[in-house]
């Protein structure tokens, strides 16, 4: 029995995309909601992300906050990967701040990853098995190099799920 059954994210560059790619590489089901037309900062034109990630679904609108809400709502827990900063609240990303607030409002468990897969595994072990995990965090343009760092953490995590 796998700890993580499914990974969801909004597909934005950075942490979100690392979640999708790590799931695909590990043979773990993936999905989630993306903005209408599959928009992401590096996929500005339709069909956008949907061409490369057909497991994603279009949210019924282009506002990224809608896909954030839907992904938190449709998951058991959210893992936020990224470095804290000072530009917008606690994170260098308004979208990441929104994810954290949404998880709190919906009463969903959330972990702000330290970069240690063992810490994430301990947290998940208290949540059960066959989990749908929402992976979120800043865009690559907000934290260059985050995609690679997140892939390492998620690759280790999904290899042990």
C-alpha atoms as a PDB file:
ATOM      1  CA  UNK A   1       0.000   0.000   0.000  1.00  0.00           C
ATOM      2  CA  UNK A   2       1.413   3.376  -0.996  1.00  0.00           C
ATOM      3  CA  UNK A   3       1.453   6.327   1.344  1.00  0.00           C
ATOM      4  CA  UNK A   4       0.862   8.726  -1.573  1.00  0.00           C
ATOM      5  CA  UNK A   5      -1.682   7.471  -4.080  1.00  0.00           C
ATOM      6  CA  UNK A   6      -2.002  10.684  -6.107  1.00  0.00           C
ATOM      7  CA  UNK A   7      -0.161  13.984  -6.484  1.00  0.00           C
ATOM      8  CA  UNK A   8      -2.077  17.105  -7.486  1.00  0.00           C
ATOM      9  CA  UNK A   9      -0.875  20.588  -8.302  1.00  0.00           C
ATOM     10  CA  UNK A  10      -1.811  23.596 -10.381  1.00  0.00           C
ATOM     11  CA  UNK A  11       1.036  22.949 -12.813  1.00  0.00           C
ATOM     12  CA  UNK A  12       2.801  26.297 -12.476  1.00  0.00           C
ATOM     13  CA  UNK A  13       6.569  26.284 -13.053  1.00  0.00           C
ATOM     14  CA  UNK A  14       8.639  25.584  -9.936  1.00  0.00           C
ATOM     15  CA  UNK A  15       7.300  23.459  -7.074  1.00  0.00           C
ATOM     16  CA  UNK A  16       3.963  22.620  -8.741  1.00  0.00           C
ATOM     17  CA  UNK A  17       5.600  21.273 -11.880  1.00  0.00           C
ATOM     18  CA  UNK A  18       8.179  19.340  -9.874  1.00  0.00           C
ATOM     19  CA  UNK A  19       5.278  17.580  -8.145  1.00  0.00           C
ATOM     20  CA  UNK A  20       3.765  16.519 -11.450  1.00  0.00           C
ATOM     21  CA  UNK A  21       7.064  15.399 -12.959  1.00  0.00           C
ATOM     22  CA  UNK A  22       8.132  13.488  -9.840  1.00  0.00           C
ATOM     23  CA  UNK A  23       4.782  11.664  -9.796  1.00  0.00           C
ATOM     24  CA  UNK A  24       5.090  10.718 -13.466  1.00  0.00           C
ATOM     25  CA  UNK A  25       8.674   9.487 -12.948  1.00  0.00           C
ATOM     26  CA  UNK A  26       7.629   7.394  -9.927  1.00  0.00           C
ATOM     27  CA  UNK A  27       4.548   5.931 -11.617  1.00  0.00           C
ATOM     28  CA  UNK A  28       2.228   7.696  -9.176  1.00  0.00           C
ATOM     29  CA  UNK A  29      -1.109   9.005 -10.423  1.00  0.00           C
ATOM     30  CA  UNK A  30      -1.163  12.770 -10.941  1.00  0.00           C
ATOM     31  CA  UNK A  31      -3.821  15.392 -11.557  1.00  0.00           C
ATOM     32  CA  UNK A  32      -5.189  18.619 -10.239  1.00  0.00           C
ATOM     33  CA  UNK A  33      -6.708  21.813 -11.494  1.00  0.00           C
ATOM     34  CA  UNK A  34      -4.958  24.387 -13.679  1.00  0.00           C
ATOM     35  CA  UNK A  35      -6.246  27.768 -14.861  1.00  0.00           C
ATOM     36  CA  UNK A  36      -8.458  27.864 -17.946  1.00  0.00           C
ATOM     37  CA  UNK A  37      -6.565  27.230 -21.208  1.00  0.00           C
ATOM     38  CA  UNK A  38      -3.859  25.405 -19.249  1.00  0.00           C
ATOM     39  CA  UNK A  39      -2.091  28.679 -18.476  1.00  0.00           C
ATOM     40  CA  UNK A  40       1.260  28.789 -16.663  1.00  0.00           C
ATOM     41  CA  UNK A  41       4.029  31.369 -16.879  1.00  0.00           C
ATOM     42  CA  UNK A  42       5.916  29.211 -19.377  1.00  0.00           C
ATOM     43  CA  UNK A  43       2.750  27.957 -21.146  1.00  0.00           C
ATOM     44  CA  UNK A  44       0.929  31.224 -21.956  1.00  0.00           C
ATOM     45  CA  UNK A  45      -1.172  29.963 -24.897  1.00  0.00           C
ATOM     46  CA  UNK A  46      -3.852  27.274 -25.075  1.00  0.00           C
ATOM     47  CA  UNK A  47      -3.769  24.358 -24.683  1.00  0.00           C
ATOM     48  CA  UNK A  48      -0.911  25.245 -22.338  1.00  0.00           C
ATOM     49  CA  UNK A  49      -0.060  22.643 -19.715  1.00  0.00           C
ATOM     50  CA  UNK A  50      -2.829  20.369 -20.921  1.00  0.00           C
ATOM     51  CA  UNK A  51      -0.770  19.377 -23.967  1.00  0.00           C
ATOM     52  CA  UNK A  52       1.960  17.849 -21.772  1.00  0.00           C
ATOM     53  CA  UNK A  53      -0.078  16.990 -18.665  1.00  0.00           C
ATOM     54  CA  UNK A  54      -3.409  15.558 -19.807  1.00  0.00           C
ATOM     55  CA  UNK A  55      -4.189  14.452 -16.245  1.00  0.00           C
ATOM     56  CA  UNK A  56      -4.834  18.082 -15.291  1.00  0.00           C
ATOM     57  CA  UNK A  57      -8.290  19.618 -15.485  1.00  0.00           C
ATOM     58  CA  UNK A  58      -9.130  23.173 -16.435  1.00  0.00           C
ATOM     59  CA  UNK A  59     -10.645  25.212 -13.648  1.00  0.00           C
ATOM     60  CA  UNK A  60     -13.832  27.024 -14.688  1.00  0.00           C
ATOM     61  CA  UNK A  61     -11.975  30.327 -14.886  1.00  0.00           C
ATOM     62  CA  UNK A  62      -8.598  31.870 -15.552  1.00  0.00           C
ATOM     63  CA  UNK A  63      -7.959  33.271 -12.057  1.00  0.00           C
ATOM     64  CA  UNK A  64      -5.158  31.139 -10.528  1.00  0.00           C
ATOM     65  CA  UNK A  65      -6.725  31.514  -7.071  1.00  0.00           C
ATOM     66  CA  UNK A  66      -9.593  29.278  -8.191  1.00  0.00           C
ATOM     67  CA  UNK A  67      -7.271  26.404  -9.090  1.00  0.00           C
ATOM     68  CA  UNK A  68      -5.484  26.914  -5.752  1.00  0.00           C
ATOM     69  CA  UNK A  69      -8.748  26.506  -3.853  1.00  0.00           C
ATOM     70  CA  UNK A  70      -9.785  23.444  -5.881  1.00  0.00           C
ATOM     71  CA  UNK A  71      -6.451  21.664  -5.409  1.00  0.00           C
ATOM     72  CA  UNK A  72      -6.424  22.238  -1.646  1.00  0.00           C
ATOM     73  CA  UNK A  73     -10.083  21.190  -1.407  1.00  0.00           C
ATOM     74  CA  UNK A  74      -9.543  17.992  -3.410  1.00  0.00           C
ATOM     75  CA  UNK A  75      -6.506  16.754  -1.475  1.00  0.00           C
ATOM     76  CA  UNK A  76      -5.919  15.218   1.927  1.00  0.00           C
ATOM     77  CA  UNK A  77      -2.929  17.451   2.667  1.00  0.00           C
ATOM     78  CA  UNK A  78      -0.695  20.117   1.118  1.00  0.00           C
ATOM     79  CA  UNK A  79       3.085  20.150   0.990  1.00  0.00           C
ATOM     80  CA  UNK A  80       4.577  23.595   0.354  1.00  0.00           C
ATOM     81  CA  UNK A  81       8.115  23.530  -0.993  1.00  0.00           C
ATOM     82  CA  UNK A  82      10.159  26.707  -1.236  1.00  0.00           C
ATOM     83  CA  UNK A  83      12.310  29.131   0.664  1.00  0.00           C
ATOM     84  CA  UNK A  84      10.643  31.676   2.905  1.00  0.00           C
ATOM     85  CA  UNK A  85      11.265  35.298   2.065  1.00  0.00           C
ATOM     86  CA  UNK A  86      10.019  38.725   2.916  1.00  0.00           C
ATOM     87  CA  UNK A  87       8.398  40.185  -0.210  1.00  0.00           C
ATOM     88  CA  UNK A  88       4.808  39.085   0.494  1.00  0.00           C
ATOM     89  CA  UNK A  89       4.100  38.039   4.052  1.00  0.00           C
ATOM     90  CA  UNK A  90       6.132  34.965   4.909  1.00  0.00           C
ATOM     91  CA  UNK A  91       6.783  33.815   1.334  1.00  0.00           C
ATOM     92  CA  UNK A  92       8.175  35.390  -1.816  1.00  0.00           C
ATOM     93  CA  UNK A  93       5.009  34.315  -3.563  1.00  0.00           C
ATOM     94  CA  UNK A  94       1.457  35.616  -3.281  1.00  0.00           C
ATOM     95  CA  UNK A  95       0.204  32.277  -4.666  1.00  0.00           C
ATOM     96  CA  UNK A  96       2.028  30.326  -1.963  1.00  0.00           C
ATOM     97  CA  UNK A  97       0.630  32.638   0.706  1.00  0.00           C
ATOM     98  CA  UNK A  98      -2.849  31.988  -0.700  1.00  0.00           C
ATOM     99  CA  UNK A  99      -2.301  28.214  -0.617  1.00  0.00           C
ATOM    100  CA  UNK A 100      -1.311  28.379   3.044  1.00  0.00           C
ATOM    101  CA  UNK A 101      -4.332  30.523   3.935  1.00  0.00           C
ATOM    102  CA  UNK A 102      -6.671  28.257   1.936  1.00  0.00           C
ATOM    103  CA  UNK A 103      -5.417  25.108   3.670  1.00  0.00           C
ATOM    104  CA  UNK A 104      -6.037  26.791   7.021  1.00  0.00           C
ATOM    105  CA  UNK A 105      -9.510  27.951   6.029  1.00  0.00           C
ATOM    106  CA  UNK A 106     -10.454  24.465   4.809  1.00  0.00           C
ATOM    107  CA  UNK A 107      -8.864  22.717   7.804  1.00  0.00           C
ATOM    108  CA  UNK A 108      -6.465  20.724   5.610  1.00  0.00           C
ATOM    109  CA  UNK A 109      -3.094  19.598   6.985  1.00  0.00           C
ATOM    110  CA  UNK A 110      -0.163  21.586   5.614  1.00  0.00           C
ATOM    111  CA  UNK A 111       3.584  21.206   5.947  1.00  0.00           C
ATOM    112  CA  UNK A 112       6.124  23.827   4.965  1.00  0.00           C
ATOM    113  CA  UNK A 113       8.936  21.584   3.762  1.00  0.00           C
ATOM    114  CA  UNK A 114      12.409  21.992   5.208  1.00  0.00           C
ATOM    115  CA  UNK A 115      14.031  20.071   2.352  1.00  0.00           C
ATOM    116  CA  UNK A 116      14.248  16.874   4.395  1.00  0.00           C
ATOM    117  CA  UNK A 117      12.248  13.998   2.836  1.00  0.00           C
ATOM    118  CA  UNK A 118      12.387  12.104   6.152  1.00  0.00           C
ATOM    119  CA  UNK A 119      10.571  14.984   7.877  1.00  0.00           C
ATOM    120  CA  UNK A 120       7.882  14.949   5.181  1.00  0.00           C
ATOM    121  CA  UNK A 121       7.523  11.168   5.496  1.00  0.00           C
ATOM    122  CA  UNK A 122       7.098  11.440   9.291  1.00  0.00           C
ATOM    123  CA  UNK A 123       4.378  14.061   8.781  1.00  0.00           C
ATOM    124  CA  UNK A 124       2.604  11.973   6.169  1.00  0.00           C
ATOM    125  CA  UNK A 125       2.786   8.844   8.327  1.00  0.00           C
ATOM    126  CA  UNK A 126       0.397  10.534  10.750  1.00  0.00           C
ATOM    127  CA  UNK A 127      -2.109  11.087   7.946  1.00  0.00           C
ATOM    128  CA  UNK A 128      -2.496   7.519   6.698  1.00  0.00           C
ATOM    129  CA  UNK A 129      -2.159   5.792   3.333  1.00  0.00           C
ATOM    130  CA  UNK A 130      -3.534   6.228  -0.167  1.00  0.00           C
ATOM    131  CA  UNK A 131      -3.298   9.994   0.245  1.00  0.00           C
ATOM    132  CA  UNK A 132      -3.868  12.661  -2.367  1.00  0.00           C
ATOM    133  CA  UNK A 133      -1.054  15.148  -1.799  1.00  0.00           C
ATOM    134  CA  UNK A 134      -1.245  18.696  -3.116  1.00  0.00           C
ATOM    135  CA  UNK A 135       2.236  20.010  -3.963  1.00  0.00           C
ATOM    136  CA  UNK A 136       2.575  23.777  -4.015  1.00  0.00           C
ATOM    137  CA  UNK A 137       5.125  26.543  -3.750  1.00  0.00           C
ATOM    138  CA  UNK A 138       6.602  29.484  -5.593  1.00  0.00           C
ATOM    139  CA  UNK A 139       6.980  29.734  -9.341  1.00  0.00           C
ATOM    140  CA  UNK A 140      10.397  29.165 -10.849  1.00  0.00           C
ATOM    141  CA  UNK A 141      10.591  32.898 -11.704  1.00  0.00           C
ATOM    142  CA  UNK A 142      10.039  33.728  -8.024  1.00  0.00           C
ATOM    143  CA  UNK A 143      12.660  31.252  -6.799  1.00  0.00           C
ATOM    144  CA  UNK A 144      15.068  30.195  -9.545  1.00  0.00           C
ATOM    145  CA  UNK A 145      16.290  26.633  -9.035  1.00  0.00           C
ATOM    146  CA  UNK A 146      13.262  25.610  -6.987  1.00  0.00           C
ATOM    147  CA  UNK A 147      12.103  23.068  -9.566  1.00  0.00           C
ATOM    148  CA  UNK A 148      15.315  21.028  -9.218  1.00  0.00           C
ATOM    149  CA  UNK A 149      15.331  21.229  -5.419  1.00  0.00           C
ATOM    150  CA  UNK A 150      11.695  20.166  -5.246  1.00  0.00           C
ATOM    151  CA  UNK A 151      12.304  17.265  -7.656  1.00  0.00           C
ATOM    152  CA  UNK A 152      15.001  15.904  -5.347  1.00  0.00           C
ATOM    153  CA  UNK A 153      12.731  16.068  -2.275  1.00  0.00           C
ATOM    154  CA  UNK A 154       9.720  14.639  -4.093  1.00  0.00           C
ATOM    155  CA  UNK A 155      11.717  11.963  -5.874  1.00  0.00           C
ATOM    156  CA  UNK A 156      12.995  10.695  -2.528  1.00  0.00           C
ATOM    157  CA  UNK A 157       9.528  10.925  -1.006  1.00  0.00           C
ATOM    158  CA  UNK A 158       7.702   9.146  -3.819  1.00  0.00           C
ATOM    159  CA  UNK A 159      10.380   6.484  -4.005  1.00  0.00           C
ATOM    160  CA  UNK A 160       9.374   5.533  -0.456  1.00  0.00           C
ATOM    161  CA  UNK A 161       5.626   6.045  -0.748  1.00  0.00           C
END
